Amino acid sequence: MADRWQGLPGGVARGEPLVWRNPARQPAAQALAAADFRLADIEDARARWTRFGPLLAALFPVLRPTAGRIDSPLSELPSELAARVAGGPGHRVLVKHDDALPVTGCIKARGGVYEVLVLAERLALDHGLLEDVAAPGQPGAPGHERLAGPAARALFGRFTLVLGSTGNLGFSVGVMGRALGFEVEVHLSHDAKAWKKDRLRALGARVIEHADDYSRAVRAAREASAHRPDCHFVDDESSAQLFLGYATAAFDLRAQLQALGVAPSPARPLVVYLPCGVGGAPGGVAFGLKQLYGDAVVAVFVEPVASPCLLVQLASGLARPVSVYDIGLDNRTAADGLAVGTASMLVARQMLPLLDAVATVRDADLFDWCARLWRAQGLRLEPSAAAGFAALAPATSALALPPDAIQVVWTTGGGLLPDEPFGAVLAMAGDPGLTGA
C-alpha cells in the first residue's frame, strides 16, 4: 500500500472488523482549546432550543408534555443481556434511545430540526416578525409561537430547503421545514430505502433520486441550490449548525446520568458508542461530551466494514479529503445511514485530536443485533442503530476498559420503521419475523 496509507491498518482495506485506536488523540483540554467551536457555542444552541420550545409544542402534539423539548430516554440493559453485549459479566450497559426520539424517530432531529430553526429565526428577525433574541444563555424574547402563524408561513414559503441525504436527515429537515411552511427538496442516494422516500413525499417534499452514493447526492443538492437565492442548502458535510444541534445532546445525557447518580471520571470513564456516517451527528455528540467531561469520556465511533470513511480520513490526516473508494472498498452496506464514502472534513478536524477509537462492524452482526434486541427488549432498530451493540465487546477488549466503565450505546433510528422493512431486517438475521419481544 502506498505511503499515504501507512497509518491505516491493513484489515481496513480487506473489510475486516477491527478496533482502531486513534494515535493522534490529545488530552481533551488541549484539543478543545484549538477546536473550531467553544462551549459557549453549544450553550447558544441550547438557548435557541429553549426559545423554540413553545413553537415546537404547538406544532407537534407529541412534544406538549415536554414543553417542546426533543430528547430520548436512557435505559439500562438487564444484566444477562448486558453480559452478552459486553462479552462477559459485570458490565453496566446503558442505551440512549434516539431510535425513540419524538417527531422523527432518529438522531437527525437533533441536527436537522435545529438547522431549520436557526434559519427560521434569522429570517423572522430580518423581516421584523420577531423581536431581538437574547444573548447566549439568557431567556429569549417572547413571540416564537407566532412563527406558526400566516405571516411567517407566507415568508417561509418563499424559500426552499435543499439537501442530500440517505433518508433520515432528509426526513428531519423535511418534517420541520414543512411544518413551518418551507418548500423542501431532498436529493436521495441509491442507498435510501423506499419507505423513507415515501414518507418524504407524504410530507410534500420534492424527492430527487440519484443512482449514485451519498456524496454524489450531496454534490447534486449543492449544485442545484448554488444559484437560487430562494434556497437554503443544508450541508451535511460542513454545517456548523447541524454540528452544534447534535452537540446539545451531551447536556441531555448529562442530566440523565446525574439522575442515576452516575459521575464519570478518568478512572471510571463514560464510554459512548456512536454510529458514524458522514460524521456530523456522532461528531457533535462526542464534542459536546468532551466539553462536559473532558478525559472522563471515551468516544468510540462505529462504521461498517465497507464504509469506514472517518477512520480512513483520520488515519490519513487532514491534508486532503480521502474516500473509502481510494483503498478499494465499495461503500455497500445495509446500514443505509452509514453508507458514506467520504467523511465531513469539518468533523474530521474536530475529531482528529479528540476521538479515542473507531470500531468497524459487519452487516451480518448488525442484523443479528437487531433481531436479538427485538426478541429481548422489543427494540425496533434500523441496522445502523445496532452498530454500537456489535462494537461494544471488541472495543471493551481492545481498549482494555475497566470493568466498571459506564458504557452507553447510542441507538440512532428505527422507531418509525414500518413492519415490512423491519421484517426484512429480521429475516436477514434468520428471525422468522415480527414475533414479539
Protein backbone atom coordinates (compact mmCIF):
# COMPACT_ATOMS: atom_id res chain seq x y z
CA MET A 1 0.00 0.00 0.00
CA ALA A 2 1.30 3.48 -0.83
CA ASP A 3 3.00 5.56 1.88
CA ARG A 4 -0.05 7.78 2.28
CA TRP A 5 -1.88 4.77 3.76
CA GLN A 6 0.89 3.83 6.19
CA GLY A 7 -1.24 4.82 9.19
CA LEU A 8 -4.13 2.63 8.06
CA PRO A 9 -4.37 -0.93 9.41
CA GLY A 10 -4.31 -3.45 6.56
CA GLY A 11 -7.52 -5.05 7.78
CA VAL A 12 -9.46 -1.91 6.89
CA ALA A 13 -8.84 -2.31 3.16
CA ARG A 14 -9.69 -6.02 3.44
CA GLY A 15 -13.06 -5.24 5.01
CA GLU A 16 -12.23 -6.90 8.31
CA PRO A 17 -13.90 -5.82 11.57
CA LEU A 18 -11.41 -4.19 13.91
CA VAL A 19 -10.87 -1.54 16.57
CA TRP A 20 -8.55 1.34 15.64
CA ARG A 21 -7.08 3.40 18.45
CA ASN A 22 -6.54 6.98 17.36
CA PRO A 23 -2.79 7.72 17.68
CA ALA A 24 -3.39 11.48 17.25
CA ARG A 25 -5.65 11.80 20.30
CA GLN A 26 -4.64 14.59 22.67
CA PRO A 27 -5.74 15.50 26.19
CA ALA A 28 -9.22 16.96 25.88
CA ALA A 29 -8.31 20.39 27.26
CA GLN A 30 -5.53 20.79 24.69
CA ALA A 31 -7.68 19.61 21.78
CA LEU A 32 -10.69 21.72 22.74
CA ALA A 33 -8.58 24.86 23.05
CA ALA A 34 -7.70 24.55 19.34
CA ALA A 35 -11.15 23.46 18.12
CA ASP A 36 -13.41 25.47 15.83
CA PHE A 37 -16.17 25.66 18.46
CA ARG A 38 -16.42 26.57 22.13
CA LEU A 39 -18.70 25.60 24.98
CA ALA A 40 -20.41 28.98 24.54
CA ASP A 41 -21.48 27.94 21.04
CA ILE A 42 -23.26 24.89 22.43
CA GLU A 43 -24.85 26.99 25.16
CA ASP A 44 -26.12 29.33 22.45
CA ALA A 45 -27.69 26.36 20.67
CA ARG A 46 -29.31 25.19 23.91
CA ALA A 47 -30.80 28.64 24.44
CA ARG A 48 -32.27 28.57 20.94
CA TRP A 49 -33.90 25.19 21.59
CA THR A 50 -35.47 26.72 24.70
CA ARG A 51 -36.75 29.76 22.79
CA PHE A 52 -38.39 27.48 20.26
CA GLY A 53 -39.93 25.13 22.85
CA PRO A 54 -43.41 26.73 22.80
CA LEU A 55 -43.49 26.72 19.00
CA LEU A 56 -42.40 23.08 18.79
CA ALA A 57 -45.04 22.09 21.35
CA ALA A 58 -47.67 23.91 19.31
CA LEU A 59 -46.64 22.28 16.04
CA PHE A 60 -46.11 18.74 17.35
CA PRO A 61 -48.60 17.48 19.97
CA VAL A 62 -46.17 14.71 20.99
CA LEU A 63 -43.91 17.43 22.42
CA ARG A 64 -46.53 19.11 24.63
CA PRO A 65 -45.72 17.02 27.73
CA THR A 66 -42.07 18.17 27.50
CA ALA A 67 -42.87 21.83 26.64
CA GLY A 68 -41.33 21.36 23.21
CA ARG A 69 -38.15 19.64 24.33
CA ILE A 70 -36.85 16.96 21.95
CA ASP A 71 -34.98 14.24 23.83
CA SER A 72 -34.97 10.46 24.23
CA PRO A 73 -35.00 8.03 27.18
CA LEU A 74 -31.94 6.47 28.75
CA SER A 75 -32.38 2.86 29.86
CA GLU A 76 -30.20 0.15 31.33
CA LEU A 77 -29.94 -3.34 29.87
CA PRO A 78 -30.72 -6.27 32.18
CA SER A 79 -27.53 -7.85 33.49
CA GLU A 80 -27.86 -11.02 31.39
CA LEU A 81 -28.30 -9.07 28.15
CA ALA A 82 -25.54 -6.63 29.15
CA ALA A 83 -23.20 -9.57 29.59
CA ARG A 84 -24.00 -10.78 26.06
CA VAL A 85 -23.42 -7.30 24.64
CA ALA A 86 -20.16 -6.77 26.53
CA GLY A 87 -18.82 -10.30 26.05
CA GLY A 88 -18.75 -11.10 29.76
CA PRO A 89 -20.50 -10.49 33.09
CA GLY A 90 -20.17 -7.48 35.34
CA HIS A 91 -20.62 -4.70 32.79
CA ARG A 92 -23.19 -1.93 33.05
CA VAL A 93 -24.64 -1.06 29.64
CA LEU A 94 -26.94 1.91 29.15
CA VAL A 95 -28.86 2.71 25.98
CA LYS A 96 -29.56 6.25 24.76
CA HIS A 97 -32.73 5.76 22.73
CA ASP A 98 -32.62 8.19 19.83
CA ASP A 99 -34.47 5.44 17.96
CA ALA A 100 -37.41 6.76 20.00
CA LEU A 101 -36.66 10.46 19.55
CA PRO A 102 -40.01 12.24 19.15
CA VAL A 103 -41.07 13.78 15.84
CA THR A 104 -38.54 11.93 13.65
CA GLY A 105 -37.63 8.65 15.36
CA CYS A 106 -33.93 9.24 14.69
CA ILE A 107 -30.92 11.22 15.89
CA LYS A 108 -31.08 13.51 12.86
CA ALA A 109 -33.82 15.53 14.58
CA ARG A 110 -31.15 16.99 16.84
CA GLY A 111 -29.29 18.48 13.88
CA GLY A 112 -31.83 18.71 11.06
CA VAL A 113 -34.64 20.26 13.09
CA TYR A 114 -32.17 22.62 14.75
CA GLU A 115 -30.77 23.95 11.46
CA VAL A 116 -34.28 24.73 10.24
CA LEU A 117 -34.99 26.60 13.48
CA VAL A 118 -31.80 28.66 13.07
CA LEU A 119 -32.86 29.65 9.55
CA ALA A 120 -36.44 30.41 10.59
CA GLU A 121 -35.28 32.63 13.44
CA ARG A 122 -32.88 34.56 11.21
CA LEU A 123 -35.49 35.11 8.50
CA ALA A 124 -38.08 36.18 11.07
CA LEU A 125 -35.68 38.67 12.63
CA ASP A 126 -34.64 40.03 9.23
CA HIS A 127 -38.28 40.57 8.25
CA GLY A 128 -39.50 42.04 11.52
CA LEU A 129 -41.56 39.07 12.68
CA LEU A 130 -39.58 38.68 15.92
CA GLU A 131 -38.01 40.98 18.46
CA ASP A 132 -34.28 40.70 19.04
CA VAL A 133 -33.35 37.44 20.75
CA ALA A 134 -31.38 37.38 23.98
CA ALA A 135 -27.69 36.76 24.43
CA PRO A 136 -26.48 33.14 24.71
CA GLY A 137 -27.61 31.52 27.93
CA GLN A 138 -30.29 34.13 28.63
CA PRO A 139 -34.07 33.76 28.23
CA GLY A 140 -35.25 34.80 24.80
CA ALA A 141 -37.73 37.50 23.96
CA PRO A 142 -41.28 36.10 23.69
CA GLY A 143 -43.02 35.54 20.41
CA HIS A 144 -41.54 32.49 18.69
CA GLU A 145 -45.02 30.90 18.72
CA ARG A 146 -46.06 33.44 16.10
CA LEU A 147 -43.78 31.68 13.61
CA ALA A 148 -46.61 29.16 13.17
CA GLY A 149 -48.88 31.97 12.01
CA PRO A 150 -49.89 33.00 8.48
CA ALA A 151 -47.39 35.88 8.11
CA ALA A 152 -44.46 33.61 8.98
CA ARG A 153 -45.72 30.78 6.79
CA ALA A 154 -46.05 33.20 3.87
CA LEU A 155 -42.45 34.30 4.43
CA PHE A 156 -41.04 30.79 4.82
CA GLY A 157 -42.99 29.56 1.80
CA ARG A 158 -40.82 31.76 -0.40
CA PHE A 159 -37.77 29.64 0.46
CA THR A 160 -36.73 26.07 -0.34
CA LEU A 161 -34.60 23.85 1.89
CA VAL A 162 -32.30 21.72 -0.28
CA LEU A 163 -30.13 18.84 0.90
CA GLY A 164 -28.62 15.49 0.05
CA SER A 165 -29.42 12.52 2.27
CA THR A 166 -29.69 8.77 2.61
CA GLY A 167 -33.10 9.37 4.20
CA ASN A 168 -33.12 10.28 7.89
CA LEU A 169 -31.65 13.77 7.67
CA GLY A 170 -33.96 14.48 4.75
CA PHE A 171 -36.96 13.47 6.85
CA SER A 172 -35.85 15.51 9.86
CA VAL A 173 -35.32 18.65 7.79
CA GLY A 174 -38.47 17.87 5.83
CA VAL A 175 -40.81 17.41 8.78
CA MET A 176 -39.63 20.62 10.45
CA GLY A 177 -39.43 22.61 7.24
CA ARG A 178 -42.88 21.61 6.02
CA ALA A 179 -44.40 22.26 9.47
CA LEU A 180 -43.22 25.89 9.14
CA GLY A 181 -44.23 26.23 5.50
CA PHE A 182 -40.87 25.91 3.74
CA GLU A 183 -40.59 24.08 0.46
CA VAL A 184 -38.26 21.09 0.75
CA GLU A 185 -36.13 19.38 -1.92
CA VAL A 186 -34.26 16.23 -0.95
CA HIS A 187 -31.66 14.55 -3.18
CA LEU A 188 -31.51 10.90 -2.14
CA SER A 189 -28.66 8.47 -2.75
CA HIS A 190 -29.19 4.98 -4.17
CA ASP A 191 -28.97 3.65 -0.58
CA ALA A 192 -32.18 5.36 0.51
CA LYS A 193 -34.94 2.92 1.40
CA ALA A 194 -38.29 3.06 -0.40
CA TRP A 195 -40.22 3.71 2.82
CA LYS A 196 -38.04 6.75 3.52
CA LYS A 197 -38.79 8.12 0.06
CA ASP A 198 -42.49 7.53 0.60
CA ARG A 199 -42.64 9.37 3.91
CA LEU A 200 -40.79 12.36 2.42
CA ARG A 201 -43.28 12.55 -0.42
CA ALA A 202 -46.13 12.28 2.08
CA LEU A 203 -44.78 15.43 3.76
CA GLY A 204 -44.99 17.28 0.47
CA ALA A 205 -41.24 17.30 -0.12
CA ARG A 206 -39.82 17.07 -3.61
CA VAL A 207 -37.74 13.89 -3.83
CA ILE A 208 -34.97 13.58 -6.42
CA GLU A 209 -33.46 10.11 -6.67
CA HIS A 210 -29.86 9.53 -7.71
CA ALA A 211 -28.19 6.36 -8.91
CA ASP A 212 -25.00 7.36 -7.09
CA ASP A 213 -23.92 7.35 -3.45
CA TYR A 214 -24.46 9.82 -0.64
CA SER A 215 -21.53 12.11 -1.52
CA ARG A 216 -22.81 12.49 -5.08
CA ALA A 217 -26.32 13.23 -3.80
CA VAL A 218 -24.93 15.98 -1.58
CA ARG A 219 -22.97 17.37 -4.51
CA ALA A 220 -26.08 17.39 -6.69
CA ALA A 221 -28.03 19.22 -3.98
CA ARG A 222 -25.25 21.77 -3.57
CA GLU A 223 -25.18 22.41 -7.31
CA ALA A 224 -28.98 22.60 -7.53
CA SER A 225 -29.12 25.32 -4.89
CA ALA A 226 -25.97 27.26 -5.77
CA HIS A 227 -27.57 29.94 -7.96
CA ARG A 228 -31.03 30.09 -6.39
CA PRO A 229 -31.31 32.94 -3.88
CA ASP A 230 -34.53 31.47 -2.53
CA CYS A 231 -32.75 28.27 -1.43
CA HIS A 232 -31.03 27.30 1.79
CA PHE A 233 -28.62 24.41 1.32
CA VAL A 234 -28.38 22.15 4.37
CA ASP A 235 -24.80 20.99 4.05
CA ASP A 236 -24.44 17.72 5.93
CA GLU A 237 -20.71 17.73 5.17
CA SER A 238 -19.81 21.12 6.68
CA SER A 239 -22.73 22.71 8.52
CA ALA A 240 -21.79 24.26 11.86
CA GLN A 241 -25.48 24.45 12.79
CA LEU A 242 -26.02 20.73 12.33
CA PHE A 243 -22.91 20.02 14.39
CA LEU A 244 -23.99 22.30 17.26
CA GLY A 245 -27.53 20.96 17.24
CA TYR A 246 -26.15 17.47 17.79
CA ALA A 247 -23.72 18.73 20.44
CA THR A 248 -26.55 19.85 22.73
CA ALA A 249 -27.45 16.17 23.22
CA ALA A 250 -24.49 15.92 25.59
CA PHE A 251 -26.35 18.08 28.10
CA ASP A 252 -29.42 15.86 27.86
CA LEU A 253 -27.32 12.78 28.59
CA ARG A 254 -25.55 14.52 31.48
CA ALA A 255 -28.86 15.28 33.18
CA GLN A 256 -29.94 11.65 32.81
CA LEU A 257 -26.66 10.33 34.20
CA GLN A 258 -26.91 12.71 37.15
CA ALA A 259 -30.41 11.41 37.85
CA LEU A 260 -28.91 7.90 38.03
CA GLY A 261 -26.15 9.09 40.36
CA VAL A 262 -23.51 8.39 37.70
CA ALA A 263 -20.40 10.59 37.78
CA PRO A 264 -17.79 9.68 35.13
CA SER A 265 -14.11 10.08 35.91
CA PRO A 266 -10.88 9.14 34.10
CA ALA A 267 -10.68 6.08 36.36
CA ARG A 268 -14.30 5.17 35.67
CA PRO A 269 -14.91 6.60 32.22
CA LEU A 270 -18.08 7.17 30.26
CA VAL A 271 -17.66 5.11 27.08
CA VAL A 272 -20.05 6.15 24.32
CA TYR A 273 -20.61 4.14 21.13
CA LEU A 274 -21.85 6.29 18.25
CA PRO A 275 -22.74 5.02 14.75
CA CYS A 276 -20.90 7.13 12.18
CA GLY A 277 -21.81 8.03 8.60
CA VAL A 278 -20.54 11.38 7.33
CA GLY A 279 -19.75 12.22 10.95
CA GLY A 280 -21.94 15.18 11.90
CA ALA A 281 -24.17 13.50 14.48
CA PRO A 282 -21.52 11.43 16.30
CA GLY A 283 -19.01 14.26 15.98
CA GLY A 284 -21.35 16.79 17.54
CA VAL A 285 -22.40 14.48 20.37
CA ALA A 286 -18.79 13.47 21.14
CA PHE A 287 -17.64 17.09 21.02
CA GLY A 288 -20.34 18.12 23.48
CA LEU A 289 -19.46 15.27 25.84
CA LYS A 290 -15.76 16.14 25.73
CA GLN A 291 -16.68 19.72 26.62
CA LEU A 292 -18.60 18.49 29.66
CA TYR A 293 -16.46 15.59 30.85
CA GLY A 294 -13.04 16.02 29.23
CA ASP A 295 -10.87 12.93 29.51
CA ALA A 296 -13.54 11.13 31.52
CA VAL A 297 -15.22 10.37 28.16
CA VAL A 298 -14.06 7.65 25.78
CA ALA A 299 -15.69 8.27 22.39
CA VAL A 300 -15.90 5.28 20.04
CA PHE A 301 -17.35 5.76 16.55
CA VAL A 302 -18.72 2.69 14.79
CA GLU A 303 -18.65 2.27 11.00
CA PRO A 304 -19.50 -0.57 8.60
CA VAL A 305 -16.51 -2.51 7.28
CA ALA A 306 -17.41 -1.36 3.74
CA SER A 307 -17.77 2.33 4.67
CA PRO A 308 -15.21 3.36 7.33
CA CYS A 309 -14.91 6.86 5.90
CA LEU A 310 -13.94 8.69 9.09
CA LEU A 311 -11.37 6.05 10.07
CA VAL A 312 -9.79 6.32 6.62
CA GLN A 313 -9.76 10.11 6.81
CA LEU A 314 -8.31 10.33 10.32
CA ALA A 315 -5.67 7.69 9.66
CA SER A 316 -4.64 9.59 6.51
CA GLY A 317 -4.51 13.03 8.12
CA LEU A 318 -6.22 16.25 7.15
CA ALA A 319 -4.14 17.31 4.14
CA ARG A 320 -6.92 16.42 1.71
CA PRO A 321 -10.22 14.53 1.63
CA VAL A 322 -9.89 10.80 1.06
CA SER A 323 -12.50 8.17 0.33
CA VAL A 324 -13.13 4.53 1.09
CA TYR A 325 -13.08 4.01 -2.68
CA ASP A 326 -9.44 5.10 -2.66
CA ILE A 327 -8.48 1.97 -0.72
CA GLY A 328 -10.64 -0.40 -2.77
CA LEU A 329 -13.77 -0.62 -0.63
CA ASP A 330 -17.18 -0.43 -2.29
CA ASN A 331 -19.24 1.51 0.31
CA ARG A 332 -22.03 -1.06 0.04
CA THR A 333 -23.76 -1.70 3.34
CA ALA A 334 -27.25 -2.46 4.59
CA ALA A 335 -26.73 0.30 7.16
CA ASP A 336 -28.01 2.98 4.78
CA GLY A 337 -27.48 5.80 7.27
CA LEU A 338 -23.79 4.89 7.46
CA ALA A 339 -23.23 4.31 3.73
CA VAL A 340 -20.87 7.24 3.23
CA GLY A 341 -17.65 7.14 1.23
CA THR A 342 -16.09 10.46 2.25
CA ALA A 343 -16.24 11.93 5.76
CA SER A 344 -17.01 15.51 6.72
CA MET A 345 -13.76 17.45 6.88
CA LEU A 346 -15.31 19.78 9.47
CA VAL A 347 -15.89 16.78 11.72
CA ALA A 348 -12.50 15.26 10.92
CA ARG A 349 -10.80 18.48 12.08
CA GLN A 350 -12.59 18.41 15.41
CA MET A 351 -12.24 14.67 15.97
CA LEU A 352 -8.63 14.04 14.95
CA PRO A 353 -7.32 15.17 18.38
CA LEU A 354 -10.43 14.16 20.35
CA LEU A 355 -11.69 10.79 19.17
CA ASP A 356 -10.50 7.76 21.11
CA ALA A 357 -11.24 4.96 18.66
CA VAL A 358 -13.18 3.71 15.66
CA ALA A 359 -14.65 0.20 15.52
CA THR A 360 -15.77 -1.38 12.25
CA VAL A 361 -18.52 -3.99 12.11
CA ARG A 362 -20.04 -6.41 9.59
CA ASP A 363 -23.58 -6.09 8.27
CA ALA A 364 -24.33 -9.63 9.47
CA ASP A 365 -23.65 -8.52 13.05
CA LEU A 366 -25.94 -5.52 12.63
CA PHE A 367 -28.78 -7.78 11.50
CA ASP A 368 -28.04 -10.19 14.34
CA TRP A 369 -28.21 -7.49 16.98
CA CYS A 370 -31.39 -6.02 15.51
CA ALA A 371 -33.03 -9.43 15.95
CA ARG A 372 -31.57 -10.08 19.41
CA LEU A 373 -32.70 -6.73 20.76
CA TRP A 374 -36.16 -7.13 19.25
CA ARG A 375 -36.58 -10.52 20.91
CA ALA A 376 -35.07 -9.48 24.24
CA GLN A 377 -36.25 -5.89 24.64
CA GLY A 378 -38.79 -5.18 21.91
CA LEU A 379 -36.41 -2.61 20.37
CA ARG A 380 -37.18 -1.79 16.75
CA LEU A 381 -33.86 -0.66 15.32
CA GLU A 382 -32.53 0.11 11.89
CA PRO A 383 -29.29 -1.78 11.12
CA SER A 384 -27.32 1.48 11.54
CA ALA A 385 -28.71 1.91 15.05
CA ALA A 386 -27.46 -1.51 16.18
CA ALA A 387 -23.84 -0.67 15.39
CA GLY A 388 -22.85 0.15 18.96
CA PHE A 389 -24.02 -3.25 20.23
CA ALA A 390 -21.88 -5.02 17.64
CA ALA A 391 -18.83 -2.94 18.60
CA LEU A 392 -19.03 -2.93 22.39
CA ALA A 393 -17.38 -6.26 23.21
CA PRO A 394 -14.48 -5.87 20.73
CA ALA A 395 -13.86 -2.30 21.89
CA THR A 396 -14.02 -3.22 25.58
CA SER A 397 -11.29 -5.78 24.97
CA ALA A 398 -9.13 -3.78 22.56
CA LEU A 399 -9.21 -0.61 24.66
CA ALA A 400 -8.71 -2.50 27.94
CA LEU A 401 -11.62 -0.65 29.51
CA PRO A 402 -12.09 -1.06 33.27
CA PRO A 403 -14.90 -3.42 34.29
CA ASP A 404 -16.84 -0.60 35.98
CA ALA A 405 -16.74 1.72 32.97
CA ILE A 406 -20.08 3.35 32.19
CA GLN A 407 -20.93 2.07 28.72
CA VAL A 408 -23.56 3.89 26.64
CA VAL A 409 -24.80 2.64 23.28
CA TRP A 410 -26.47 5.37 21.22
CA THR A 411 -29.29 3.92 19.12
CA THR A 412 -29.82 6.34 16.28
CA GLY A 413 -33.00 5.33 14.45
CA GLY A 414 -35.75 2.83 13.85
CA GLY A 415 -38.72 3.99 15.90
CA LEU A 416 -40.70 4.83 12.75
CA LEU A 417 -39.56 1.77 10.81
CA PRO A 418 -42.66 0.13 9.23
CA ASP A 419 -43.40 -3.56 9.74
CA GLU A 420 -42.46 -4.71 6.25
CA PRO A 421 -38.91 -3.33 6.10
CA PHE A 422 -38.33 -4.26 9.73
CA GLY A 423 -39.47 -7.79 8.95
CA ALA A 424 -36.89 -7.85 6.15
CA VAL A 425 -34.18 -6.85 8.65
CA LEU A 426 -35.20 -9.68 10.95
CA ALA A 427 -35.28 -12.11 8.05
CA MET A 428 -31.67 -11.23 7.20
CA ALA A 429 -30.78 -12.36 10.73
CA GLY A 430 -32.68 -15.62 10.30
CA ASP A 431 -35.52 -14.46 12.54
CA PRO A 432 -38.94 -15.75 11.44
CA GLY A 433 -40.49 -12.27 11.64
CA LEU A 434 -42.31 -9.93 13.97
CA THR A 435 -42.62 -12.39 16.79
CA GLY A 436 -42.84 -10.02 19.75
CA ALA A 437 -40.38 -9.11 22.42
